[in-house]
PDB file of all heavy atoms in Angstrom:
ATOM      1  N   VAL A   1       6.637  13.602 -69.355  1.00  0.00           N
ATOM      2  CA  VAL A   1       5.227  13.759 -69.736  1.00  0.00           C
ATOM      3  C   VAL A   1       4.478  14.703 -68.786  1.00  0.00           C
ATOM      4  O   VAL A   1       3.759  15.549 -69.171  1.00  0.00           O
ATOM      5  CB  VAL A   1       4.576  12.382 -69.877  1.00  0.00           C
ATOM      6  CG1 VAL A   1       3.066  12.539 -70.051  1.00  0.00           C
ATOM      7  CG2 VAL A   1       5.115  11.613 -71.032  1.00  0.00           C
ATOM      8  N   GLY A   2       4.720  14.460 -67.476  1.00  0.00           N
ATOM      9  CA  GLY A   2       4.030  15.311 -66.512  1.00  0.00           C
ATOM     10  C   GLY A   2       4.497  16.771 -66.587  1.00  0.00           C
ATOM     11  O   GLY A   2       3.667  17.673 -66.489  1.00  0.00           O
ATOM     12  N   LYS A   3       5.771  16.957 -66.737  1.00  0.00           N
ATOM     13  CA  LYS A   3       6.322  18.309 -66.658  1.00  0.00           C
ATOM     14  C   LYS A   3       6.078  19.119 -67.980  1.00  0.00           C
ATOM     15  O   LYS A   3       5.706  20.303 -67.919  1.00  0.00           O
ATOM     16  CB  LYS A   3       7.822  18.234 -66.456  1.00  0.00           C
ATOM     17  CG  LYS A   3       8.497  19.548 -66.157  1.00  0.00           C
ATOM     18  CD  LYS A   3      10.016  19.496 -66.069  1.00  0.00           C
ATOM     19  CE  LYS A   3      10.527  18.380 -65.185  1.00  0.00           C
ATOM     20  NZ  LYS A   3      12.012  18.358 -65.084  1.00  0.00           N
ATOM     21  N   LEU A   4       6.233  18.485 -69.132  1.00  0.00           N
ATOM     22  CA  LEU A   4       6.219  19.208 -70.399  1.00  0.00           C
ATOM     23  C   LEU A   4       4.928  19.021 -71.213  1.00  0.00           C
ATOM     24  O   LEU A   4       4.630  19.829 -72.122  1.00  0.00           O
ATOM     25  CB  LEU A   4       7.426  18.877 -71.263  1.00  0.00           C
ATOM     26  CG  LEU A   4       8.780  19.193 -70.629  1.00  0.00           C
ATOM     27  CD1 LEU A   4       9.882  18.766 -71.633  1.00  0.00           C
ATOM     28  CD2 LEU A   4       8.906  20.708 -70.397  1.00  0.00           C
ATOM     29  N   TYR A   5       4.225  17.935 -70.942  1.00  0.00           N
ATOM     30  CA  TYR A   5       3.030  17.623 -71.729  1.00  0.00           C
ATOM     31  C   TYR A   5       1.761  17.521 -70.915  1.00  0.00           C
ATOM     32  O   TYR A   5       0.824  16.824 -71.360  1.00  0.00           O
ATOM     33  CB  TYR A   5       3.273  16.344 -72.559  1.00  0.00           C
ATOM     34  CG  TYR A   5       4.435  16.491 -73.562  1.00  0.00           C
ATOM     35  CD1 TYR A   5       5.723  16.118 -73.212  1.00  0.00           C
ATOM     36  CD2 TYR A   5       4.197  17.130 -74.775  1.00  0.00           C
ATOM     37  CE1 TYR A   5       6.770  16.321 -74.150  1.00  0.00           C
ATOM     38  CE2 TYR A   5       5.238  17.316 -75.702  1.00  0.00           C
ATOM     39  CZ  TYR A   5       6.513  16.896 -75.368  1.00  0.00           C
ATOM     40  OH  TYR A   5       7.549  17.101 -76.228  1.00  0.00           O
ATOM     41  N   ASP A   6       1.707  18.168 -69.814  1.00  0.00           N
ATOM     42  CA  ASP A   6       0.528  18.188 -68.919  1.00  0.00           C
ATOM     43  C   ASP A   6      -0.001  16.803 -68.588  1.00  0.00           C
ATOM     44  O   ASP A   6      -1.169  16.613 -68.457  1.00  0.00           O
ATOM     45  CB  ASP A   6      -0.575  19.020 -69.579  1.00  0.00           C
ATOM     46  CG  ASP A   6      -0.176  20.432 -69.870  1.00  0.00           C
ATOM     47  OD1 ASP A   6       0.530  21.040 -69.048  1.00  0.00           O
ATOM     48  OD2 ASP A   6      -0.506  20.917 -70.988  1.00  0.00           O
ATOM     49  N   GLY A   7       0.947  15.823 -68.501  1.00  0.00           N
ATOM     50  CA  GLY A   7       0.539  14.488 -68.134  1.00  0.00           C
ATOM     51  C   GLY A   7      -0.111  13.680 -69.297  1.00  0.00           C
ATOM     52  O   GLY A   7      -0.642  12.599 -69.114  1.00  0.00           O
ATOM     53  N   SER A   8      -0.019  14.241 -70.454  1.00  0.00           N
ATOM     54  CA  SER A   8      -0.773  13.691 -71.636  1.00  0.00           C
ATOM     55  C   SER A   8       0.295  13.003 -72.621  1.00  0.00           C
ATOM     56  O   SER A   8       1.049  13.618 -73.265  1.00  0.00           O
ATOM     57  CB  SER A   8      -1.475  14.806 -72.389  1.00  0.00           C
ATOM     58  OG  SER A   8      -1.981  14.312 -73.588  1.00  0.00           O
ATOM     59  N   ILE A   9       0.162  11.677 -72.612  1.00  0.00           N
ATOM     60  CA  ILE A   9       1.036  10.901 -73.496  1.00  0.00           C
ATOM     61  C   ILE A   9       0.703  11.199 -74.954  1.00  0.00           C
ATOM     62  O   ILE A   9       1.617  11.229 -75.804  1.00  0.00           O
ATOM     63  CB  ILE A   9       0.943   9.391 -73.175  1.00  0.00           C
ATOM     64  CG1 ILE A   9       1.574   9.110 -71.790  1.00  0.00           C
ATOM     65  CG2 ILE A   9       1.614   8.573 -74.244  1.00  0.00           C
ATOM     66  CD1 ILE A   9       1.440   7.769 -71.316  1.00  0.00           C
ATOM     67  N   ASP A  10      -0.552  11.446 -75.267  1.00  0.00           N
ATOM     68  CA  ASP A  10      -0.859  11.746 -76.651  1.00  0.00           C
ATOM     69  C   ASP A  10      -0.243  13.028 -77.145  1.00  0.00           C
ATOM     70  O   ASP A  10       0.141  13.138 -78.274  1.00  0.00           O
ATOM     71  CB  ASP A  10      -2.408  11.762 -76.892  1.00  0.00           C
ATOM     72  CG  ASP A  10      -3.165  12.706 -75.971  1.00  0.00           C
ATOM     73  OD1 ASP A  10      -2.717  12.968 -74.863  1.00  0.00           O
ATOM     74  OD2 ASP A  10      -4.172  13.179 -76.448  1.00  0.00           O
ATOM     75  N   LYS A  11      -0.054  14.015 -76.238  1.00  0.00           N
ATOM     76  CA  LYS A  11       0.601  15.242 -76.631  1.00  0.00           C
ATOM     77  C   LYS A  11       2.110  14.936 -76.921  1.00  0.00           C
ATOM     78  O   LYS A  11       2.689  15.490 -77.852  1.00  0.00           O
ATOM     79  CB  LYS A  11       0.537  16.302 -75.510  1.00  0.00           C
ATOM     80  CG  LYS A  11      -0.866  16.946 -75.444  1.00  0.00           C
ATOM     81  CD  LYS A  11      -0.866  18.001 -74.422  1.00  0.00           C
ATOM     82  CE  LYS A  11      -2.270  18.615 -74.238  1.00  0.00           C
ATOM     83  NZ  LYS A  11      -2.299  19.595 -73.151  1.00  0.00           N
ATOM     84  N   LEU A  12       2.742  14.079 -76.130  1.00  0.00           N
ATOM     85  CA  LEU A  12       4.078  13.709 -76.347  1.00  0.00           C
ATOM     86  C   LEU A  12       4.208  12.993 -77.692  1.00  0.00           C
ATOM     87  O   LEU A  12       5.092  13.263 -78.522  1.00  0.00           O
ATOM     88  CB  LEU A  12       4.605  12.803 -75.236  1.00  0.00           C
ATOM     89  CG  LEU A  12       5.980  12.101 -75.486  1.00  0.00           C
ATOM     90  CD1 LEU A  12       7.130  13.079 -75.627  1.00  0.00           C
ATOM     91  CD2 LEU A  12       6.301  11.098 -74.383  1.00  0.00           C
ATOM     92  N   PHE A  13       3.323  12.035 -77.940  1.00  0.00           N
ATOM     93  CA  PHE A  13       3.334  11.255 -79.163  1.00  0.00           C
ATOM     94  C   PHE A  13       3.135  12.198 -80.347  1.00  0.00           C
ATOM     95  O   PHE A  13       3.828  12.077 -81.368  1.00  0.00           O
ATOM     96  CB  PHE A  13       2.248  10.188 -79.145  1.00  0.00           C
ATOM     97  CG  PHE A  13       2.368   9.169 -80.244  1.00  0.00           C
ATOM     98  CD1 PHE A  13       3.256   8.079 -80.109  1.00  0.00           C
ATOM     99  CD2 PHE A  13       1.633   9.275 -81.414  1.00  0.00           C
ATOM    100  CE1 PHE A  13       3.393   7.149 -81.129  1.00  0.00           C
ATOM    101  CE2 PHE A  13       1.791   8.379 -82.409  1.00  0.00           C
ATOM    102  CZ  PHE A  13       2.615   7.296 -82.271  1.00  0.00           C
ATOM    103  N   ALA A  14       2.190  13.163 -80.225  1.00  0.00           N
ATOM    104  CA  ALA A  14       1.983  14.108 -81.341  1.00  0.00           C
ATOM    105  C   ALA A  14       3.208  14.917 -81.583  1.00  0.00           C
ATOM    106  O   ALA A  14       3.569  15.245 -82.734  1.00  0.00           O
ATOM    107  CB  ALA A  14       0.755  15.023 -81.003  1.00  0.00           C
ATOM    108  N   SER A  15       3.917  15.304 -80.518  1.00  0.00           N
ATOM    109  CA  SER A  15       5.129  16.066 -80.666  1.00  0.00           C
ATOM    110  C   SER A  15       6.182  15.296 -81.382  1.00  0.00           C
ATOM    111  O   SER A  15       6.833  15.776 -82.328  1.00  0.00           O
ATOM    112  CB  SER A  15       5.645  16.497 -79.293  1.00  0.00           C
ATOM    113  OG  SER A  15       6.877  17.157 -79.394  1.00  0.00           O
ATOM    114  N   LEU A  16       6.340  14.003 -81.042  1.00  0.00           N
ATOM    115  CA  LEU A  16       7.300  13.142 -81.710  1.00  0.00           C
ATOM    116  C   LEU A  16       6.919  12.893 -83.189  1.00  0.00           C
ATOM    117  O   LEU A  16       7.762  12.954 -84.072  1.00  0.00           O
ATOM    118  CB  LEU A  16       7.422  11.825 -80.986  1.00  0.00           C
ATOM    119  CG  LEU A  16       8.028  11.873 -79.618  1.00  0.00           C
ATOM    120  CD1 LEU A  16       7.935  10.472 -78.928  1.00  0.00           C
ATOM    121  CD2 LEU A  16       9.474  12.301 -79.677  1.00  0.00           C
ATOM    122  N   ALA A  17       5.612  12.684 -83.412  1.00  0.00           N
ATOM    123  CA  ALA A  17       5.151  12.353 -84.720  1.00  0.00           C
ATOM    124  C   ALA A  17       5.285  13.569 -85.646  1.00  0.00           C
ATOM    125  O   ALA A  17       5.434  13.422 -86.878  1.00  0.00           O
ATOM    126  CB  ALA A  17       3.700  11.835 -84.701  1.00  0.00           C
ATOM    127  N   GLY A  18       5.217  14.772 -85.084  1.00  0.00           N
ATOM    128  CA  GLY A  18       5.282  15.961 -85.898  1.00  0.00           C
ATOM    129  C   GLY A  18       6.683  16.443 -86.218  1.00  0.00           C
ATOM    130  O   GLY A  18       6.826  17.410 -86.975  1.00  0.00           O
ATOM    131  N   ARG A  19       7.689  15.786 -85.716  1.00  0.00           N
ATOM    132  CA  ARG A  19       9.041  16.182 -85.978  1.00  0.00           C
ATOM    133  C   ARG A  19       9.359  15.985 -87.454  1.00  0.00           C
ATOM    134  O   ARG A  19       9.049  14.956 -88.019  1.00  0.00           O
ATOM    135  CB  ARG A  19      10.020  15.401 -85.136  1.00  0.00           C
ATOM    136  CG  ARG A  19       9.939  15.713 -83.674  1.00  0.00           C
ATOM    137  CD  ARG A  19      10.919  14.971 -82.861  1.00  0.00           C
ATOM    138  NE  ARG A  19      12.261  15.225 -83.423  1.00  0.00           N
ATOM    139  CZ  ARG A  19      13.266  15.577 -82.690  1.00  0.00           C
ATOM    140  NH1 ARG A  19      13.139  15.686 -81.401  1.00  0.00           N
ATOM    141  NH2 ARG A  19      14.485  15.815 -83.200  1.00  0.00           N
ATOM    142  N   ARG A  20       9.977  16.948 -88.015  1.00  0.00           N
ATOM    143  CA  ARG A  20      10.318  16.858 -89.455  1.00  0.00           C
ATOM    144  C   ARG A  20      11.630  16.111 -89.699  1.00  0.00           C
ATOM    145  O   ARG A  20      11.927  15.722 -90.816  1.00  0.00           O
ATOM    146  CB  ARG A  20      10.428  18.258 -90.044  1.00  0.00           C
ATOM    147  CG  ARG A  20       9.166  19.055 -89.809  1.00  0.00           C
ATOM    148  CD  ARG A  20       8.814  19.799 -91.090  1.00  0.00           C
ATOM    149  NE  ARG A  20       7.621  20.614 -90.880  1.00  0.00           N
ATOM    150  CZ  ARG A  20       6.422  20.276 -91.120  1.00  0.00           C
ATOM    151  NH1 ARG A  20       6.150  19.048 -91.513  1.00  0.00           N
ATOM    152  NH2 ARG A  20       5.404  21.091 -90.925  1.00  0.00           N
ATOM    153  N   ASP A  21      12.438  15.878 -88.701  1.00  0.00           N
ATOM    154  CA  ASP A  21      13.725  15.238 -88.898  1.00  0.00           C
ATOM    155  C   ASP A  21      13.685  13.703 -88.630  1.00  0.00           C
ATOM    156  O   ASP A  21      14.720  13.060 -88.533  1.00  0.00           O
ATOM    157  CB  ASP A  21      14.775  15.896 -88.065  1.00  0.00           C
ATOM    158  CG  ASP A  21      14.486  15.847 -86.537  1.00  0.00           C
ATOM    159  OD1 ASP A  21      13.343  15.542 -86.163  1.00  0.00           O
ATOM    160  OD2 ASP A  21      15.433  16.108 -85.763  1.00  0.00           O
ATOM    161  N   LEU A  22      12.448  13.143 -88.549  1.00  0.00           N
ATOM    162  CA  LEU A  22      12.367  11.666 -88.364  1.00  0.00           C
ATOM    163  C   LEU A  22      12.614  10.977 -89.704  1.00  0.00           C
ATOM    164  O   LEU A  22      12.142  11.427 -90.751  1.00  0.00           O
ATOM    165  CB  LEU A  22      10.967  11.322 -87.840  1.00  0.00           C
ATOM    166  CG  LEU A  22      10.612  11.765 -86.415  1.00  0.00           C
ATOM    167  CD1 LEU A  22       9.166  11.388 -86.080  1.00  0.00           C
ATOM    168  CD2 LEU A  22      11.526  11.097 -85.424  1.00  0.00           C
ATOM    169  N   SER A  23      13.319   9.858 -89.630  1.00  0.00           N
ATOM    170  CA  SER A  23      13.483   9.071 -90.815  1.00  0.00           C
ATOM    171  C   SER A  23      12.201   8.289 -91.131  1.00  0.00           C
ATOM    172  O   SER A  23      11.313   8.155 -90.319  1.00  0.00           O
ATOM    173  CB  SER A  23      14.652   8.061 -90.595  1.00  0.00           C
ATOM    174  OG  SER A  23      14.232   7.062 -89.660  1.00  0.00           O
ATOM    175  N   ALA A  24      12.155   7.764 -92.341  1.00  0.00           N
ATOM    176  CA  ALA A  24      11.014   6.985 -92.730  1.00  0.00           C
ATOM    177  C   ALA A  24      10.835   5.763 -91.824  1.00  0.00           C
ATOM    178  O   ALA A  24       9.723   5.417 -91.489  1.00  0.00           O
ATOM    179  CB  ALA A  24      11.162   6.505 -94.207  1.00  0.00           C
ATOM    180  N   GLY A  25      11.902   5.151 -91.448  1.00  0.00           N
ATOM    181  CA  GLY A  25      11.884   4.042 -90.540  1.00  0.00           C
ATOM    182  C   GLY A  25      11.345   4.374 -89.185  1.00  0.00           C
ATOM    183  O   GLY A  25      10.594   3.646 -88.566  1.00  0.00           O
ATOM    184  N   GLN A  26      11.752   5.573 -88.642  1.00  0.00           N
ATOM    185  CA  GLN A  26      11.256   6.020 -87.381  1.00  0.00           C
ATOM    186  C   GLN A  26       9.788   6.325 -87.416  1.00  0.00           C
ATOM    187  O   GLN A  26       9.037   5.963 -86.502  1.00  0.00           O
ATOM    188  CB  GLN A  26      12.015   7.252 -86.888  1.00  0.00           C
ATOM    189  CG  GLN A  26      13.470   6.944 -86.514  1.00  0.00           C
ATOM    190  CD  GLN A  26      14.275   8.222 -86.324  1.00  0.00           C
ATOM    191  OE1 GLN A  26      14.152   9.189 -87.015  1.00  0.00           O
ATOM    192  NE2 GLN A  26      15.135   8.216 -85.298  1.00  0.00           N
ATOM    193  N   ILE A  27       9.318   6.929 -88.499  1.00  0.00           N
ATOM    194  CA  ILE A  27       7.904   7.217 -88.703  1.00  0.00           C
ATOM    195  C   ILE A  27       7.113   5.900 -88.749  1.00  0.00           C
ATOM    196  O   ILE A  27       6.059   5.765 -88.104  1.00  0.00           O
ATOM    197  CB  ILE A  27       7.657   8.056 -89.944  1.00  0.00           C
ATOM    198  CG1 ILE A  27       8.236   9.501 -89.737  1.00  0.00           C
ATOM    199  CG2 ILE A  27       6.151   8.099 -90.297  1.00  0.00           C
ATOM    200  CD1 ILE A  27       8.304  10.331 -90.985  1.00  0.00           C
ATOM    201  N   GLU A  28       7.624   4.972 -89.474  1.00  0.00           N
ATOM    202  CA  GLU A  28       6.975   3.647 -89.571  1.00  0.00           C
ATOM    203  C   GLU A  28       6.858   3.014 -88.215  1.00  0.00           C
ATOM    204  O   GLU A  28       5.852   2.400 -87.861  1.00  0.00           O
ATOM    205  CB  GLU A  28       7.682   2.766 -90.570  1.00  0.00           C
ATOM    206  CG  GLU A  28       6.934   1.559 -90.998  1.00  0.00           C
ATOM    207  CD  GLU A  28       5.517   1.852 -91.521  1.00  0.00           C
ATOM    208  OE1 GLU A  28       5.340   2.773 -92.329  1.00  0.00           O
ATOM    209  OE2 GLU A  28       4.575   1.105 -91.170  1.00  0.00           O
ATOM    210  N   ARG A  29       7.934   3.082 -87.407  1.00  0.00           N
ATOM    211  CA  ARG A  29       7.971   2.512 -86.053  1.00  0.00           C
ATOM    212  C   ARG A  29       6.916   3.140 -85.189  1.00  0.00           C
ATOM    213  O   ARG A  29       6.219   2.476 -84.425  1.00  0.00           O
ATOM    214  CB  ARG A  29       9.363   2.565 -85.457  1.00  0.00           C
ATOM    215  CG  ARG A  29       9.454   2.033 -84.064  1.00  0.00           C
ATOM    216  CD  ARG A  29       9.257   0.463 -84.021  1.00  0.00           C
ATOM    217  NE  ARG A  29       9.284   0.043 -82.662  1.00  0.00           N
ATOM    218  CZ  ARG A  29       8.410  -0.767 -82.104  1.00  0.00           C
ATOM    219  NH1 ARG A  29       7.444  -1.248 -82.817  1.00  0.00           N
ATOM    220  NH2 ARG A  29       8.507  -1.088 -80.867  1.00  0.00           N
ATOM    221  N   LEU A  30       6.769   4.496 -85.228  1.00  0.00           N
ATOM    222  CA  LEU A  30       5.747   5.191 -84.449  1.00  0.00           C
ATOM    223  C   LEU A  30       4.364   4.721 -84.869  1.00  0.00           C
ATOM    224  O   LEU A  30       3.469   4.498 -84.004  1.00  0.00           O
ATOM    225  CB  LEU A  30       5.902   6.677 -84.622  1.00  0.00           C
ATOM    226  CG  LEU A  30       7.053   7.366 -83.873  1.00  0.00           C
ATOM    227  CD1 LEU A  30       7.197   8.809 -84.298  1.00  0.00           C
ATOM    228  CD2 LEU A  30       6.877   7.210 -82.384  1.00  0.00           C
ATOM    229  N   LYS A  31       4.161   4.533 -86.162  1.00  0.00           N
ATOM    230  CA  LYS A  31       2.835   4.053 -86.641  1.00  0.00           C
ATOM    231  C   LYS A  31       2.587   2.619 -86.093  1.00  0.00           C
ATOM    232  O   LYS A  31       1.462   2.306 -85.705  1.00  0.00           O
ATOM    233  CB  LYS A  31       2.774   4.041 -88.160  1.00  0.00           C
ATOM    234  CG  LYS A  31       2.731   5.383 -88.797  1.00  0.00           C
ATOM    235  CD  LYS A  31       2.695   5.288 -90.347  1.00  0.00           C
ATOM    236  CE  LYS A  31       2.711   6.634 -90.975  1.00  0.00           C
ATOM    237  NZ  LYS A  31       2.777   6.506 -92.478  1.00  0.00           N
ATOM    238  N   GLN A  32       3.611   1.819 -86.124  1.00  0.00           N
ATOM    239  CA  GLN A  32       3.476   0.452 -85.598  1.00  0.00           C
ATOM    240  C   GLN A  32       3.125   0.458 -84.132  1.00  0.00           C
ATOM    241  O   GLN A  32       2.237  -0.289 -83.649  1.00  0.00           O
ATOM    242  CB  GLN A  32       4.732  -0.347 -85.857  1.00  0.00           C
ATOM    243  CG  GLN A  32       4.712  -1.744 -85.399  1.00  0.00           C
ATOM    244  CD  GLN A  32       6.091  -2.455 -85.656  1.00  0.00           C
ATOM    245  OE1 GLN A  32       7.021  -1.882 -86.151  1.00  0.00           O
ATOM    246  NE2 GLN A  32       6.187  -3.694 -85.179  1.00  0.00           N
ATOM    247  N   ILE A  33       3.776   1.305 -83.367  1.00  0.00           N
ATOM    248  CA  ILE A  33       3.512   1.408 -81.937  1.00  0.00           C
ATOM    249  C   ILE A  33       2.092   1.840 -81.698  1.00  0.00           C
ATOM    250  O   ILE A  33       1.359   1.264 -80.850  1.00  0.00           O
ATOM    251  CB  ILE A  33       4.494   2.414 -81.219  1.00  0.00           C
ATOM    252  CG1 ILE A  33       5.887   1.808 -81.219  1.00  0.00           C
ATOM    253  CG2 ILE A  33       4.031   2.730 -79.822  1.00  0.00           C
ATOM    254  CD1 ILE A  33       7.001   2.797 -80.864  1.00  0.00           C
ATOM    255  N   ALA A  34       1.616   2.826 -82.437  1.00  0.00           N
ATOM    256  CA  ALA A  34       0.240   3.276 -82.275  1.00  0.00           C
ATOM    257  C   ALA A  34      -0.746   2.219 -82.632  1.00  0.00           C
ATOM    258  O   ALA A  34      -1.735   2.017 -81.967  1.00  0.00           O
ATOM    259  CB  ALA A  34       0.050   4.524 -83.171  1.00  0.00           C
ATOM    260  N   LYS A  35      -0.447   1.461 -83.706  1.00  0.00           N
ATOM    261  CA  LYS A  35      -1.332   0.372 -84.094  1.00  0.00           C
ATOM    262  C   LYS A  35      -1.427  -0.726 -83.010  1.00  0.00           C
ATOM    263  O   LYS A  35      -2.470  -1.278 -82.764  1.00  0.00           O
ATOM    264  CB  LYS A  35      -0.839  -0.229 -85.422  1.00  0.00           C
ATOM    265  CG  LYS A  35      -1.837  -1.139 -86.073  1.00  0.00           C
ATOM    266  CD  LYS A  35      -1.339  -1.514 -87.462  1.00  0.00           C
ATOM    267  CE  LYS A  35      -2.528  -1.986 -88.231  1.00  0.00           C
ATOM    268  NZ  LYS A  35      -2.304  -1.939 -89.682  1.00  0.00           N
TER     269      LYS A  35
END
């Protein structure tokens, strides 16, 4: 996070959330984590 995302966890999360190769289950899990 410090090296690639300027210390910003939200930038890391946005990067993960924006991946097109995530399964529906993985997307749902990210939403659950955010909630």
